[in-house]
C-alpha cells in the first residue's frame, strides 16, 4: 500500500505490478494465453500433455519399489527432467510457484485429515480413468477435441457425468461423515519471508530463463529440443495460476453453484484453437494423430466417468492439481502421488491383459485397441466442413446449457 510520502512514479509502478501480478486475471484472458502457448508448441511439432509425464513418475516409483518387472515396465529410465511431458509438468509447477511468489499467494496449506483420504481416492480414480481414456482432461479431452477427434467429446460426456456423480457422493460425505473434518492450524510463514516472496519469484523466473538458454545453446540435440518445453511449461503454469484456470472447475461448478465462467473460458479456448489447429493439420505442420488416443469410444467415455469422479474428490484435474501444488496445497501433492502411481499401475495392467495393447495385426492406418481406435473426424466424414459443424455444434450446445443453467440453476445438485 502506498504511503503519503511515496513518490508518484513509484506508486504508478506498484499499481501496474498489482494489476499484472497480484490481482486475478480474467479466466477468458487465461484461456486465450493458454491457447497461444499450445499453438506455439504445435507449430514446433509438439503437443501439451500431462498424463504421459505423470505416468512416467509412477513408472519410476514402481521400478523403485520393485513392482516394475511384475508390471512389465522397462527397467531403463531416463531422468525425470529428460522425459518431455515430465519436464513440462515440472516446469508447470515451477511456473505456478513463481506466480504464487510474485503475488504473495504461496502458502503451505494443510487440509483436514479426511481430505487426505479423498486425495488418495481421487488420485487413484484419476489414474485409472486416464489410463482408460488415454489421457486426463488435457490429453483425453482437450487435445483430442482440438485435434478434431470424437474421442475428446466422448470423454467430455464422461467427465460431465463423472463430475455430477462425484459431487453427489462428496456431498453425501459432507452430510454424513464427521471424522477428520476439523481443519488443522494454519502454518505460519514468517512475515520477513512473505515480504521476500516477490524477490524470490523473480529469481525463480530468471532461473527458468537461464535454464532454457543454457539448454538451447548447449550444442546437445536432446537438450536443444527440450529448451522450448522449459519455457512453455513455465508459461502454462504461470498462466493457469494467474487466471485460476482449471478444467475440473469447468465440469464441476455448473453442478455445484451454477457458475459457468470457467466452462465458458474453456469453450472460448477451443473455439479459438480448433480452426487454427485444423489449418496446421492441413498444412502438415503437425500430425493430428500425435494427440489422438486409441480409445474412442469405450475407453474415452468410461475413463471420463471415472476420472470425473476422481477429480471431484481430489480437488483438481491433472493440470489444475499441478498448479495448485505450486501454490502450496499439500492435498494436491498427495493426490498427484496416487494419480501417478495408479496411472502407471493401471496402464501397465491394462496393457498386460490386452485391454489397451495396440492391435499389431490391424491393417488400418490408425491404432486400434480393445478400448477403441484413433478416430479423426475429417477422415471419418471425408470432410472438414462436417467436422466443424459437429464440433462447433457441440461447443454451442455446451455453452447454451451452461448459460441456461447460470440463469435458472436448473442442474445444480445442492
Protein backbone atom coordinates (compact mmCIF):
# COMPACT_ATOMS: atom_id res chain seq x y z
CA UNK A 1 0.00 0.00 0.00
CA UNK A 2 1.34 3.42 -0.92
CA UNK A 3 2.09 5.94 1.80
CA UNK A 4 1.63 9.74 1.57
CA UNK A 5 5.40 10.09 1.07
CA UNK A 6 5.60 7.54 -1.76
CA UNK A 7 6.73 9.24 -4.99
CA UNK A 8 4.01 9.27 -7.62
CA UNK A 9 6.09 7.34 -10.13
CA UNK A 10 6.75 4.59 -7.58
CA UNK A 11 3.04 4.37 -6.78
CA UNK A 12 2.33 4.10 -10.50
CA UNK A 13 4.71 1.18 -10.95
CA UNK A 14 3.28 -0.52 -7.88
CA UNK A 15 -0.24 -0.15 -9.26
CA UNK A 16 0.85 -1.73 -12.55
CA UNK A 17 2.58 -4.56 -10.67
CA UNK A 18 -0.57 -5.26 -8.66
CA UNK A 19 -2.77 -5.32 -11.78
CA UNK A 20 -0.42 -7.63 -13.65
CA UNK A 21 0.98 -9.94 -11.00
CA UNK A 22 -1.23 -9.76 -7.89
CA UNK A 23 -4.85 -9.36 -8.95
CA UNK A 24 -6.51 -12.35 -10.58
CA UNK A 25 -6.51 -12.38 -14.36
CA UNK A 26 -9.73 -12.95 -16.21
CA UNK A 27 -10.41 -16.62 -16.91
CA UNK A 28 -11.02 -15.66 -20.53
CA UNK A 29 -7.62 -13.98 -20.77
CA UNK A 30 -6.05 -17.09 -19.27
CA UNK A 31 -7.83 -19.29 -21.82
CA UNK A 32 -6.58 -17.16 -24.73
CA UNK A 33 -3.00 -17.06 -23.44
CA UNK A 34 -3.04 -20.80 -22.78
CA UNK A 35 -4.14 -21.42 -26.35
CA UNK A 36 -1.34 -19.19 -27.65
CA UNK A 37 1.22 -21.36 -25.85
CA UNK A 38 -0.42 -24.60 -27.03
CA UNK A 39 -0.49 -23.42 -30.63
CA UNK A 40 3.15 -22.33 -30.38
CA UNK A 41 4.01 -25.87 -29.29
CA UNK A 42 2.01 -27.31 -32.18
CA UNK A 43 3.77 -25.08 -34.70
CA UNK A 44 7.01 -26.60 -33.42
CA UNK A 45 5.65 -30.14 -33.80
CA UNK A 46 4.88 -30.66 -30.10
CA UNK A 47 1.73 -31.11 -28.02
CA UNK A 48 0.86 -30.14 -24.47
CA UNK A 49 0.40 -33.25 -22.38
CA UNK A 50 0.17 -34.01 -18.67
CA UNK A 51 -0.71 -37.65 -18.08
CA UNK A 52 2.28 -39.01 -20.03
CA UNK A 53 4.60 -37.24 -17.61
CA UNK A 54 2.56 -38.19 -14.55
CA UNK A 55 2.55 -41.84 -15.62
CA UNK A 56 6.30 -41.64 -16.13
CA UNK A 57 6.64 -40.54 -12.49
CA UNK A 58 4.54 -43.54 -11.48
CA UNK A 59 6.67 -45.87 -13.65
CA UNK A 60 9.76 -44.52 -11.93
CA UNK A 61 8.22 -45.15 -8.48
CA UNK A 62 7.04 -48.66 -9.39
CA UNK A 63 10.56 -49.53 -10.51
CA UNK A 64 11.95 -48.01 -7.31
CA UNK A 65 9.81 -50.27 -5.08
CA UNK A 66 10.40 -53.34 -7.22
CA UNK A 67 7.00 -53.61 -8.96
CA UNK A 68 8.37 -52.69 -12.38
CA UNK A 69 9.29 -56.22 -13.55
CA UNK A 70 5.97 -57.61 -12.31
CA UNK A 71 4.09 -54.95 -14.29
CA UNK A 72 6.24 -55.36 -17.36
CA UNK A 73 7.81 -51.89 -17.09
CA UNK A 74 11.17 -51.19 -18.66
CA UNK A 75 13.95 -51.01 -16.09
CA UNK A 76 15.78 -48.37 -18.16
CA UNK A 77 14.55 -44.97 -17.11
CA UNK A 78 15.76 -41.59 -18.34
CA UNK A 79 16.00 -38.80 -15.74
CA UNK A 80 12.70 -37.19 -14.79
CA UNK A 81 13.76 -33.91 -16.42
CA UNK A 82 14.58 -35.54 -19.77
CA UNK A 83 11.15 -37.06 -20.40
CA UNK A 84 9.37 -34.32 -22.39
CA UNK A 85 5.99 -34.43 -20.63
CA UNK A 86 7.57 -34.96 -17.23
CA UNK A 87 9.72 -31.89 -17.88
CA UNK A 88 6.66 -29.91 -18.94
CA UNK A 89 4.88 -30.90 -15.71
CA UNK A 90 7.89 -29.99 -13.56
CA UNK A 91 8.21 -26.57 -15.18
CA UNK A 92 4.43 -26.07 -14.95
CA UNK A 93 4.68 -26.47 -11.16
CA UNK A 94 7.69 -24.12 -11.21
CA UNK A 95 5.76 -21.50 -13.21
CA UNK A 96 2.81 -21.66 -10.81
CA UNK A 97 5.23 -21.44 -7.85
CA UNK A 98 6.77 -18.33 -9.38
CA UNK A 99 3.35 -16.73 -9.93
CA UNK A 100 2.32 -17.54 -6.35
CA UNK A 101 5.50 -15.95 -5.01
CA UNK A 102 5.18 -12.80 -7.12
CA UNK A 103 1.58 -12.34 -5.91
CA UNK A 104 2.48 -13.30 -2.32
CA UNK A 105 -0.10 -16.08 -2.51
CA UNK A 106 2.21 -19.00 -1.84
CA UNK A 107 1.29 -20.72 1.40
CA UNK A 108 1.65 -24.34 2.56
CA UNK A 109 -1.96 -25.36 3.17
CA UNK A 110 -2.70 -28.49 5.20
CA UNK A 111 -6.18 -29.96 4.72
CA UNK A 112 -8.37 -31.69 7.34
CA UNK A 113 -7.47 -35.35 7.88
CA UNK A 114 -10.36 -36.71 5.81
CA UNK A 115 -9.13 -34.73 2.81
CA UNK A 116 -6.04 -36.94 2.69
CA UNK A 117 -8.34 -39.92 2.16
CA UNK A 118 -10.17 -38.04 -0.59
CA UNK A 119 -6.81 -37.18 -2.15
CA UNK A 120 -5.84 -40.87 -2.14
CA UNK A 121 -9.21 -41.96 -3.57
CA UNK A 122 -9.42 -39.13 -6.08
CA UNK A 123 -5.86 -39.55 -7.28
CA UNK A 124 -6.30 -43.32 -7.70
CA UNK A 125 -9.53 -42.88 -9.69
CA UNK A 126 -7.94 -40.23 -11.89
CA UNK A 127 -5.08 -42.61 -12.66
CA UNK A 128 -7.46 -45.42 -13.64
CA UNK A 129 -9.65 -43.07 -15.68
CA UNK A 130 -6.71 -41.54 -17.53
CA UNK A 131 -5.29 -44.99 -18.28
CA UNK A 132 -8.63 -45.99 -19.85
CA UNK A 133 -9.15 -42.75 -21.77
CA UNK A 134 -5.55 -42.44 -22.94
CA UNK A 135 -5.13 -39.15 -21.12
CA UNK A 136 -6.51 -36.79 -18.49
CA UNK A 137 -8.62 -33.68 -19.10
CA UNK A 138 -5.72 -32.43 -21.21
CA UNK A 139 -4.75 -35.49 -23.25
CA UNK A 140 -8.09 -37.30 -23.17
CA UNK A 141 -10.49 -34.37 -23.64
CA UNK A 142 -8.93 -31.02 -24.56
CA UNK A 143 -6.26 -32.12 -27.04
CA UNK A 144 -8.45 -34.66 -28.90
CA UNK A 145 -11.22 -32.06 -29.30
CA UNK A 146 -8.62 -29.60 -30.55
CA UNK A 147 -7.33 -32.29 -32.90
CA UNK A 148 -10.79 -32.98 -34.34
CA UNK A 149 -11.26 -36.34 -32.63
CA UNK A 150 -14.60 -37.57 -31.26
CA UNK A 151 -12.58 -39.30 -28.52
CA UNK A 152 -12.37 -35.91 -26.82
CA UNK A 153 -16.13 -35.47 -26.98
CA UNK A 154 -16.70 -38.99 -25.65
CA UNK A 155 -14.52 -38.16 -22.64
CA UNK A 156 -16.32 -34.81 -22.33
CA UNK A 157 -19.60 -36.67 -21.88
CA UNK A 158 -17.97 -38.99 -19.35
CA UNK A 159 -16.44 -36.08 -17.45
CA UNK A 160 -19.80 -34.33 -17.16
CA UNK A 161 -21.41 -37.50 -15.80
CA UNK A 162 -18.46 -38.20 -13.53
CA UNK A 163 -18.42 -34.66 -12.13
CA UNK A 164 -22.14 -34.90 -11.29
CA UNK A 165 -21.77 -38.34 -9.68
CA UNK A 166 -18.62 -37.30 -7.85
CA UNK A 167 -20.21 -34.18 -6.40
CA UNK A 168 -23.28 -36.09 -5.19
CA UNK A 169 -21.01 -38.64 -3.49
CA UNK A 170 -18.82 -35.94 -1.96
CA UNK A 171 -21.87 -34.00 -0.79
CA UNK A 172 -23.16 -37.14 0.93
CA UNK A 173 -19.87 -37.48 2.82
CA UNK A 174 -20.09 -33.86 3.95
CA UNK A 175 -23.53 -34.51 5.41
CA UNK A 176 -22.83 -37.92 6.96
CA UNK A 177 -19.15 -38.13 7.96
CA UNK A 178 -17.80 -36.02 10.80
CA UNK A 179 -14.43 -37.70 11.39
CA UNK A 180 -11.41 -35.72 10.32
CA UNK A 181 -13.29 -32.65 9.14
CA UNK A 182 -11.64 -30.22 11.55
CA UNK A 183 -9.10 -28.05 9.80
CA UNK A 184 -5.58 -28.15 11.31
CA UNK A 185 -3.90 -24.93 12.46
CA UNK A 186 -2.54 -22.88 9.60
CA UNK A 187 1.19 -22.95 9.06
CA UNK A 188 2.57 -19.55 9.91
CA UNK A 189 5.06 -18.26 7.36
CA UNK A 190 7.45 -15.66 8.83
CA UNK A 191 6.48 -12.15 7.77
CA UNK A 192 10.01 -11.48 6.57
CA UNK A 193 9.88 -14.45 4.22
CA UNK A 194 6.50 -13.36 2.83
CA UNK A 195 7.94 -9.91 2.21
CA UNK A 196 10.74 -11.53 0.23
CA UNK A 197 8.38 -13.63 -1.90
CA UNK A 198 8.42 -11.26 -4.92
CA UNK A 199 12.21 -11.18 -4.99
CA UNK A 200 12.38 -14.98 -4.75
CA UNK A 201 9.80 -15.15 -7.53
CA UNK A 202 11.95 -13.03 -9.84
CA UNK A 203 14.93 -15.26 -9.06
CA UNK A 204 12.84 -18.33 -9.99
CA UNK A 205 11.73 -16.69 -13.26
CA UNK A 206 15.32 -15.73 -14.10
CA UNK A 207 16.48 -19.24 -13.23
CA UNK A 208 13.92 -20.78 -15.63
CA UNK A 209 15.07 -18.43 -18.41
CA UNK A 210 18.74 -19.24 -17.80
CA UNK A 211 17.90 -22.96 -17.71
CA UNK A 212 16.20 -22.74 -21.11
CA UNK A 213 19.00 -20.67 -22.64
CA UNK A 214 21.74 -22.99 -21.36
CA UNK A 215 19.99 -25.95 -22.95
CA UNK A 216 19.25 -24.02 -26.15
CA UNK A 217 22.92 -23.17 -26.68
CA UNK A 218 24.32 -26.40 -25.22
CA UNK A 219 25.09 -27.96 -28.59
CA UNK A 220 23.32 -31.15 -27.44
CA UNK A 221 20.39 -32.02 -29.71
CA UNK A 222 18.26 -33.59 -26.91
CA UNK A 223 18.73 -30.51 -24.71
CA UNK A 224 18.13 -28.05 -27.55
CA UNK A 225 14.86 -29.84 -28.33
CA UNK A 226 13.74 -29.57 -24.69
CA UNK A 227 14.65 -25.90 -24.18
CA UNK A 228 11.30 -24.60 -25.54
CA UNK A 229 9.50 -27.14 -23.33
CA UNK A 230 11.03 -25.50 -20.25
CA UNK A 231 9.63 -22.11 -21.29
CA UNK A 232 6.27 -23.49 -22.45
CA UNK A 233 5.67 -25.47 -19.25
CA UNK A 234 6.70 -22.49 -17.12
CA UNK A 235 4.39 -20.17 -19.08
CA UNK A 236 1.45 -22.59 -18.79
CA UNK A 237 1.89 -22.89 -15.02
CA UNK A 238 2.15 -19.11 -14.67
CA UNK A 239 -0.98 -18.53 -16.80
CA UNK A 240 -3.04 -21.20 -15.05
CA UNK A 241 -2.21 -19.80 -11.62
CA UNK A 242 -2.81 -16.16 -12.51
CA UNK A 243 -6.17 -16.91 -14.15
CA UNK A 244 -7.11 -19.79 -11.79
CA UNK A 245 -7.94 -21.76 -14.93
CA UNK A 246 -8.97 -25.31 -14.08
CA UNK A 247 -10.70 -27.98 -16.18
CA UNK A 248 -12.10 -29.63 -13.05
CA UNK A 249 -13.96 -26.44 -12.20
CA UNK A 250 -15.23 -26.16 -15.77
CA UNK A 251 -17.02 -29.50 -15.37
CA UNK A 252 -17.86 -29.32 -11.67
CA UNK A 253 -19.08 -25.77 -10.98
CA UNK A 254 -22.27 -25.86 -13.10
CA UNK A 255 -23.47 -28.69 -10.85
CA UNK A 256 -22.32 -27.01 -7.63
CA UNK A 257 -23.03 -23.28 -7.88
CA UNK A 258 -24.33 -22.90 -11.47
CA UNK A 259 -21.33 -20.61 -12.06
CA UNK A 260 -20.18 -21.01 -15.65
CA UNK A 261 -17.29 -18.60 -16.19
CA UNK A 262 -14.63 -21.31 -16.14
CA UNK A 263 -16.63 -23.51 -18.51
CA UNK A 264 -17.11 -20.64 -20.94
CA UNK A 265 -13.38 -19.89 -20.79
CA UNK A 266 -12.58 -23.47 -21.84
CA UNK A 267 -15.18 -23.20 -24.62
CA UNK A 268 -13.54 -19.96 -25.79
CA UNK A 269 -10.10 -21.60 -25.87
CA UNK A 270 -11.41 -24.46 -28.03
CA UNK A 271 -13.34 -22.11 -30.31
CA UNK A 272 -10.13 -20.17 -30.97
CA UNK A 273 -7.87 -23.18 -31.25
CA UNK A 274 -9.88 -25.60 -33.41
CA UNK A 275 -9.76 -23.68 -36.72
CA UNK A 276 -6.09 -22.77 -36.27
CA UNK A 277 -5.20 -26.36 -35.42
CA UNK A 278 -7.12 -27.53 -38.49
CA UNK A 279 -5.01 -25.21 -40.64
CA UNK A 280 -1.83 -26.65 -39.11
CA UNK A 281 -3.04 -30.18 -39.87
CA UNK A 282 -3.92 -29.31 -43.45
CA UNK A 283 -0.51 -27.67 -43.96
CA UNK A 284 1.07 -30.81 -42.44
CA UNK A 285 2.85 -28.77 -39.77
CA UNK A 286 1.96 -31.44 -37.21
CA UNK A 287 0.40 -34.90 -37.35
CA UNK A 288 -3.03 -34.79 -35.66
CA UNK A 289 -2.71 -38.44 -34.60
CA UNK A 290 0.06 -37.38 -32.18
CA UNK A 291 -2.61 -36.32 -29.70
CA UNK A 292 -5.45 -38.73 -30.51
CA UNK A 293 -5.70 -41.73 -28.16
CA UNK A 294 -6.85 -45.12 -29.47
CA UNK A 295 -9.79 -45.12 -27.05
CA UNK A 296 -12.84 -43.99 -28.99
CA UNK A 297 -15.39 -44.53 -27.72
CA UNK A 298 -15.47 -47.04 -24.84
CA UNK A 299 -12.20 -46.08 -23.16
CA UNK A 300 -12.85 -42.35 -23.54
CA UNK A 301 -16.38 -42.49 -22.14
CA UNK A 302 -15.78 -44.90 -19.24
CA UNK A 303 -12.41 -43.33 -18.45
CA UNK A 304 -14.07 -39.91 -18.42
CA UNK A 305 -16.68 -41.01 -15.87
CA UNK A 306 -14.05 -42.50 -13.55
CA UNK A 307 -11.70 -39.55 -13.97
CA UNK A 308 -14.57 -37.10 -13.39
CA UNK A 309 -15.45 -38.71 -10.06
CA UNK A 310 -11.80 -38.75 -9.07
CA UNK A 311 -11.09 -35.10 -9.87
CA UNK A 312 -14.01 -34.00 -7.67
CA UNK A 313 -12.63 -35.90 -4.67
CA UNK A 314 -9.04 -34.85 -5.41
CA UNK A 315 -9.99 -31.20 -5.75
CA UNK A 316 -8.47 -30.71 -9.17
CA UNK A 317 -7.77 -32.31 -12.53
CA UNK A 318 -4.24 -33.09 -13.69
CA UNK A 319 -3.11 -29.61 -14.76
CA UNK A 320 -5.20 -28.00 -12.01
CA UNK A 321 -3.53 -30.20 -9.41
CA UNK A 322 -0.08 -29.28 -10.72
CA UNK A 323 -0.54 -25.53 -10.48
CA UNK A 324 -2.13 -25.84 -7.04
CA UNK A 325 0.88 -27.90 -5.98
CA UNK A 326 3.00 -24.88 -6.94
CA UNK A 327 0.77 -22.72 -4.77
CA UNK A 328 1.41 -24.91 -1.72
CA UNK A 329 -1.64 -27.18 -1.42
CA UNK A 330 -0.48 -30.31 0.43
CA UNK A 331 -3.63 -32.25 -0.51
CA UNK A 332 -2.81 -31.93 -4.21
CA UNK A 333 0.71 -33.27 -3.65
CA UNK A 334 -0.88 -36.36 -2.08
CA UNK A 335 -3.44 -36.64 -4.87
CA UNK A 336 -0.75 -36.32 -7.54
CA UNK A 337 1.33 -39.09 -5.93
CA UNK A 338 -1.58 -41.54 -6.06
CA UNK A 339 -2.58 -40.29 -9.51
CA UNK A 340 0.92 -41.10 -10.78
CA UNK A 341 1.15 -44.46 -9.04
CA UNK A 342 -2.36 -45.54 -10.02
CA UNK A 343 -1.91 -44.28 -13.59
CA UNK A 344 1.30 -46.21 -14.04
CA UNK A 345 -0.06 -49.39 -12.47
CA UNK A 346 -3.40 -49.31 -14.28
CA UNK A 347 -1.77 -48.53 -17.65
CA UNK A 348 0.66 -51.43 -17.24
CA UNK A 349 -2.08 -53.87 -16.18
CA UNK A 350 -4.44 -52.81 -18.97
CA UNK A 351 -1.66 -53.33 -21.49
CA UNK A 352 -0.54 -56.61 -19.92
CA UNK A 353 -4.02 -58.08 -20.13
CA UNK A 354 -4.58 -56.84 -23.67
CA UNK A 355 -7.12 -54.13 -22.92
CA UNK A 356 -5.07 -51.19 -24.21
CA UNK A 357 -2.44 -53.04 -26.24
CA UNK A 358 -2.30 -51.86 -29.85
CA UNK A 359 -3.55 -54.41 -32.37
CA UNK A 360 -0.44 -55.09 -34.43
CA UNK A 361 -2.39 -57.19 -36.95
CA UNK A 362 -4.75 -54.38 -37.87
CA UNK A 363 -4.45 -53.14 -41.46
CA UNK A 364 -5.87 -49.71 -40.56
CA UNK A 365 -3.65 -46.65 -40.83
CA UNK A 366 -4.63 -45.69 -37.28
CA UNK A 367 -4.08 -47.51 -33.99
CA UNK A 368 -6.76 -49.82 -32.66
CA UNK A 369 -7.13 -51.35 -29.18
CA UNK A 370 -9.84 -53.19 -27.25
CA UNK A 371 -10.81 -49.81 -25.79
CA UNK A 372 -11.41 -48.20 -29.16
CA UNK A 373 -9.46 -46.66 -32.00
CA UNK A 374 -7.87 -43.39 -33.14
CA UNK A 375 -10.84 -41.52 -34.57
CA UNK A 376 -10.19 -38.42 -36.70
CA UNK A 377 -13.40 -36.73 -37.83
CA UNK A 378 -12.16 -35.26 -41.15
CA UNK A 379 -11.32 -38.80 -42.27
CA UNK A 380 -14.46 -40.34 -40.78
CA UNK A 381 -16.68 -37.81 -42.57
CA UNK A 382 -14.34 -37.18 -45.51
CA UNK A 383 -14.94 -33.51 -44.84
CA UNK A 384 -13.55 -30.73 -42.67
CA UNK A 385 -16.86 -28.89 -43.04
CA UNK A 386 -18.90 -31.62 -41.37
CA UNK A 387 -16.21 -31.96 -38.69
CA UNK A 388 -16.51 -28.27 -37.87
CA UNK A 389 -20.30 -28.50 -37.83
CA UNK A 390 -20.18 -31.39 -35.35
CA UNK A 391 -17.56 -29.88 -33.04
CA UNK A 392 -18.93 -26.35 -33.34
CA UNK A 393 -22.45 -27.61 -32.66
CA UNK A 394 -21.31 -29.44 -29.53
CA UNK A 395 -19.43 -26.36 -28.31
CA UNK A 396 -22.52 -24.22 -28.90
CA UNK A 397 -24.75 -26.75 -27.12
CA UNK A 398 -22.35 -26.83 -24.17
CA UNK A 399 -22.36 -23.02 -23.99
CA UNK A 400 -26.16 -22.86 -24.24
CA UNK A 401 -26.55 -25.44 -21.44
CA UNK A 402 -24.12 -23.57 -19.17
CA UNK A 403 -25.74 -20.19 -19.91
CA UNK A 404 -29.22 -21.60 -19.26
CA UNK A 405 -28.04 -23.15 -16.01
CA UNK A 406 -26.47 -19.86 -14.89
CA UNK A 407 -29.88 -18.20 -15.23
CA UNK A 408 -32.07 -20.97 -13.84
CA UNK A 409 -29.78 -23.13 -11.64
CA UNK A 410 -31.79 -25.99 -13.11
CA UNK A 411 -28.93 -28.50 -12.99
CA UNK A 412 -27.37 -27.64 -9.62
CA UNK A 413 -27.22 -30.63 -7.31
CA UNK A 414 -27.06 -28.90 -3.92
